[in-house]
């Protein structure tokens, strides 16, 4: 084992200054960073899928259990317990899905910065590392589609938000129906509550994306053209 105090061996904090070929070391570090960012993007996708599946499995299990209890006097008690649990789980799941999507966007922006460097290594190299112009839904691949604000409703987090808002609307409808026994009023209130919650979720997600875009655009190294 090498003695860290052996003369001629630089300290770890000073090792960068002792590199013989610093450009090559930088390029190797850049490749490693690219690989780490790609792995981070894969982890965010995997976590998003797992969390969304957990929520949907909890919801479907609750519906199956309610089906067995629907004809019993315990059905209302069961709904009073399971609906708040599912809604709370849905809120937590939605928030984390928004966070993972923002992490994915940040990692993609860093990857694009590295790809700009690759594209400048040789004349004509940028043809092998294309960056879609404008505001594309996926800034890594050109799919012939530009970004638009209503696209916020077509993400995994929005899908969970819509389902969870409907579940919350059902819970609110039941709360209205229980004392009044007026099903028409309960349905209208439940639908309106679900719509309001869906719009609020979409507005919240769009505001988070807007802050993320503003943060990325404030960094010249991430937004500067090649």
Protein backbone atom coordinates (compact mmCIF):
# COMPACT_ATOMS: atom_id res chain seq x y z
CA UNK A 1 0.00 0.00 0.00
CA UNK A 2 1.36 3.42 -0.95
CA UNK A 3 2.25 5.71 1.89
CA UNK A 4 0.27 8.97 1.47
CA UNK A 5 3.13 10.84 3.06
CA UNK A 6 5.71 9.56 0.55
CA UNK A 7 7.69 12.42 -1.00
CA UNK A 8 6.79 13.27 -4.59
CA UNK A 9 3.15 12.20 -4.31
CA UNK A 10 0.81 15.22 -4.31
CA UNK A 11 -1.99 15.60 -1.83
CA UNK A 12 -5.45 14.73 -3.16
CA UNK A 13 -6.46 18.39 -2.96
CA UNK A 14 -3.46 19.40 -5.08
CA UNK A 15 -3.55 16.48 -7.52
CA UNK A 16 -5.27 18.47 -10.28
CA UNK A 17 -2.31 20.82 -10.53
CA UNK A 18 0.08 17.89 -10.86
CA UNK A 19 -1.68 16.27 -13.84
CA UNK A 20 0.59 15.76 -16.81
CA UNK A 21 -2.11 16.01 -19.47
CA UNK A 22 -4.82 18.24 -18.05
CA UNK A 23 -6.85 18.56 -21.32
CA UNK A 24 -7.13 14.77 -21.54
CA UNK A 25 -8.04 14.58 -17.86
CA UNK A 26 -10.74 17.19 -18.41
CA UNK A 27 -12.15 15.28 -21.37
CA UNK A 28 -12.25 12.05 -19.36
CA UNK A 29 -13.95 13.88 -16.52
CA UNK A 30 -16.47 15.29 -19.00
CA UNK A 31 -17.27 11.81 -20.28
CA UNK A 32 -17.76 10.63 -16.71
CA UNK A 33 -20.03 13.59 -15.97
CA UNK A 34 -22.07 12.83 -19.08
CA UNK A 35 -22.49 9.23 -17.95
CA UNK A 36 -23.49 10.30 -14.43
CA UNK A 37 -26.10 12.73 -15.80
CA UNK A 38 -27.56 10.08 -18.06
CA UNK A 39 -27.76 7.71 -15.09
CA UNK A 40 -29.46 10.44 -13.04
CA UNK A 41 -32.07 10.89 -15.76
CA UNK A 42 -32.71 7.16 -15.81
CA UNK A 43 -33.14 7.14 -12.04
CA UNK A 44 -35.70 9.97 -12.17
CA UNK A 45 -37.74 8.08 -14.78
CA UNK A 46 -37.57 4.88 -12.74
CA UNK A 47 -38.60 6.64 -9.54
CA UNK A 48 -41.45 8.42 -11.28
CA UNK A 49 -42.81 5.15 -12.64
CA UNK A 50 -42.49 3.44 -9.25
CA UNK A 51 -44.25 6.22 -7.36
CA UNK A 52 -47.05 6.50 -9.92
CA UNK A 53 -47.54 2.72 -9.85
CA UNK A 54 -47.64 2.72 -6.04
CA UNK A 55 -50.37 5.35 -6.01
CA UNK A 56 -52.46 3.66 -8.69
CA UNK A 57 -52.10 0.27 -6.98
CA UNK A 58 -53.24 1.80 -3.68
CA UNK A 59 -56.22 3.38 -5.41
CA UNK A 60 -57.21 0.21 -7.24
CA UNK A 61 -56.83 -1.87 -4.07
CA UNK A 62 -59.08 0.56 -2.23
CA UNK A 63 -61.72 0.34 -4.96
CA UNK A 64 -61.62 -3.47 -4.89
CA UNK A 65 -61.96 -3.49 -1.12
CA UNK A 66 -64.87 -1.07 -1.33
CA UNK A 67 -66.56 -3.37 -3.83
CA UNK A 68 -66.61 -6.12 -1.21
CA UNK A 69 -67.97 -3.74 1.45
CA UNK A 70 -70.43 -1.77 -0.69
CA UNK A 71 -73.44 -3.78 0.44
CA UNK A 72 -72.51 -3.62 4.13
CA UNK A 73 -73.13 -0.85 6.68
CA UNK A 74 -69.35 -0.39 6.95
CA UNK A 75 -68.99 1.05 3.44
CA UNK A 76 -69.31 4.68 4.52
CA UNK A 77 -66.81 4.20 7.33
CA UNK A 78 -64.38 2.58 4.92
CA UNK A 79 -64.71 5.46 2.43
CA UNK A 80 -64.21 7.98 5.22
CA UNK A 81 -60.89 6.35 6.04
CA UNK A 82 -59.53 5.30 2.65
CA UNK A 83 -60.32 8.43 0.60
CA UNK A 84 -58.26 10.82 2.80
CA UNK A 85 -55.39 8.31 2.80
CA UNK A 86 -55.43 8.02 -0.99
CA UNK A 87 -55.70 11.79 -1.47
CA UNK A 88 -52.78 12.48 0.90
CA UNK A 89 -50.69 9.81 -0.83
CA UNK A 90 -51.62 11.37 -4.17
CA UNK A 91 -50.51 14.83 -3.05
CA UNK A 92 -47.15 13.49 -1.88
CA UNK A 93 -46.75 11.47 -5.07
CA UNK A 94 -47.62 14.44 -7.25
CA UNK A 95 -45.14 16.72 -5.51
CA UNK A 96 -42.32 14.21 -5.87
CA UNK A 97 -43.17 13.59 -9.52
CA UNK A 98 -42.89 17.31 -10.18
CA UNK A 99 -39.52 17.35 -8.43
CA UNK A 100 -38.19 14.40 -10.43
CA UNK A 101 -39.32 16.02 -13.68
CA UNK A 102 -37.44 19.19 -12.74
CA UNK A 103 -34.37 17.12 -11.86
CA UNK A 104 -34.61 15.49 -15.28
CA UNK A 105 -34.82 18.90 -17.00
CA UNK A 106 -31.77 20.15 -15.06
CA UNK A 107 -29.79 17.03 -15.98
CA UNK A 108 -30.81 17.40 -19.63
CA UNK A 109 -29.65 21.03 -19.65
CA UNK A 110 -26.25 19.95 -18.31
CA UNK A 111 -26.03 17.21 -20.93
CA UNK A 112 -26.75 19.72 -23.67
CA UNK A 113 -23.95 21.91 -22.37
CA UNK A 114 -21.56 18.94 -22.67
CA UNK A 115 -22.88 18.11 -26.14
CA UNK A 116 -22.14 21.67 -27.23
CA UNK A 117 -18.54 21.04 -26.24
CA UNK A 118 -18.48 17.79 -28.23
CA UNK A 119 -19.91 19.60 -31.24
CA UNK A 120 -17.07 22.13 -31.15
CA UNK A 121 -14.20 19.63 -31.08
CA UNK A 122 -13.91 19.43 -34.87
CA UNK A 123 -15.37 21.34 -37.82
CA UNK A 124 -18.67 19.73 -38.73
CA UNK A 125 -18.88 17.79 -35.47
CA UNK A 126 -22.07 19.64 -34.50
CA UNK A 127 -23.94 17.57 -37.11
CA UNK A 128 -23.49 14.54 -34.85
CA UNK A 129 -24.68 16.35 -31.72
CA UNK A 130 -27.78 18.24 -32.89
CA UNK A 131 -29.68 20.50 -30.51
CA UNK A 132 -33.29 21.22 -31.50
CA UNK A 133 -33.93 24.95 -32.02
CA UNK A 134 -36.55 26.81 -30.06
CA UNK A 135 -38.60 25.46 -27.19
CA UNK A 136 -38.87 21.74 -27.94
CA UNK A 137 -40.66 19.26 -25.64
CA UNK A 138 -37.53 17.10 -25.61
CA UNK A 139 -34.44 19.26 -26.02
CA UNK A 140 -32.28 16.23 -26.83
CA UNK A 141 -34.16 14.94 -29.87
CA UNK A 142 -36.02 16.74 -32.64
CA UNK A 143 -39.53 15.28 -32.96
CA UNK A 144 -41.07 18.02 -35.09
CA UNK A 145 -43.09 19.52 -32.26
CA UNK A 146 -42.69 22.75 -30.33
CA UNK A 147 -43.42 23.23 -26.68
CA UNK A 148 -46.74 24.66 -25.54
CA UNK A 149 -48.26 25.55 -22.21
CA UNK A 150 -51.05 22.98 -22.27
CA UNK A 151 -48.37 20.29 -22.49
CA UNK A 152 -48.17 20.54 -18.71
CA UNK A 153 -51.34 18.44 -18.57
CA UNK A 154 -49.71 15.51 -20.40
CA UNK A 155 -47.00 14.59 -17.91
CA UNK A 156 -46.97 11.69 -15.44
CA UNK A 157 -47.35 14.11 -12.55
CA UNK A 158 -50.39 15.70 -14.20
CA UNK A 159 -51.97 12.28 -14.78
CA UNK A 160 -51.66 11.49 -11.08
CA UNK A 161 -52.92 14.98 -10.20
CA UNK A 162 -56.03 14.54 -12.34
CA UNK A 163 -56.84 11.12 -10.89
CA UNK A 164 -56.22 12.33 -7.35
CA UNK A 165 -58.35 15.44 -7.94
CA UNK A 166 -61.23 13.23 -9.06
CA UNK A 167 -60.83 11.10 -5.94
CA UNK A 168 -60.84 14.26 -3.81
CA UNK A 169 -63.92 15.48 -5.70
CA UNK A 170 -65.68 12.23 -4.89
CA UNK A 171 -64.80 12.66 -1.23
CA UNK A 172 -66.16 16.21 -1.23
CA UNK A 173 -69.33 15.04 -2.98
CA UNK A 174 -69.85 12.43 -0.30
CA UNK A 175 -69.39 15.04 2.41
CA UNK A 176 -72.08 17.18 0.77
CA UNK A 177 -74.41 14.26 0.17
CA UNK A 178 -74.20 12.81 3.69
CA UNK A 179 -76.09 15.61 5.52
CA UNK A 180 -78.30 16.82 2.65
CA UNK A 181 -79.10 13.57 0.84
CA UNK A 182 -79.30 15.65 -2.35
CA UNK A 183 -77.35 13.70 -4.95
CA UNK A 184 -77.65 16.36 -7.68
CA UNK A 185 -76.05 19.06 -5.53
CA UNK A 186 -73.40 16.62 -4.31
CA UNK A 187 -72.43 15.66 -7.87
CA UNK A 188 -72.21 19.30 -9.02
CA UNK A 189 -70.09 20.29 -6.02
CA UNK A 190 -67.84 17.25 -6.48
CA UNK A 191 -67.28 17.95 -10.19
CA UNK A 192 -66.53 21.62 -9.55
CA UNK A 193 -64.11 20.71 -6.76
CA UNK A 194 -62.31 18.23 -9.01
CA UNK A 195 -62.01 20.78 -11.84
CA UNK A 196 -60.68 23.46 -9.47
CA UNK A 197 -58.12 21.05 -8.05
CA UNK A 198 -56.98 20.01 -11.52
CA UNK A 199 -56.49 23.65 -12.55
CA UNK A 200 -54.62 24.42 -9.33
CA UNK A 201 -52.30 21.46 -9.87
CA UNK A 202 -51.63 22.55 -13.44
CA UNK A 203 -50.93 26.14 -12.39
CA UNK A 204 -48.58 24.98 -9.64
CA UNK A 205 -46.67 22.70 -12.00
CA UNK A 206 -46.41 25.43 -14.65
CA UNK A 207 -45.05 27.88 -12.05
CA UNK A 208 -42.42 25.34 -11.01
CA UNK A 209 -41.42 24.81 -14.65
CA UNK A 210 -41.29 28.55 -15.20
CA UNK A 211 -38.91 29.00 -12.28
CA UNK A 212 -36.79 26.15 -13.61
CA UNK A 213 -36.61 27.70 -17.08
CA UNK A 214 -35.70 31.06 -15.57
CA UNK A 215 -32.98 29.42 -13.48
CA UNK A 216 -31.50 27.67 -16.51
CA UNK A 217 -31.70 30.74 -18.74
CA UNK A 218 -29.86 32.77 -16.07
CA UNK A 219 -26.81 30.53 -16.58
CA UNK A 220 -25.09 31.69 -19.82
CA UNK A 221 -23.09 28.46 -20.07
CA UNK A 222 -26.31 26.47 -20.40
CA UNK A 223 -28.13 28.66 -22.87
CA UNK A 224 -25.34 30.16 -25.00
CA UNK A 225 -25.46 29.04 -28.66
CA UNK A 226 -22.61 27.14 -30.20
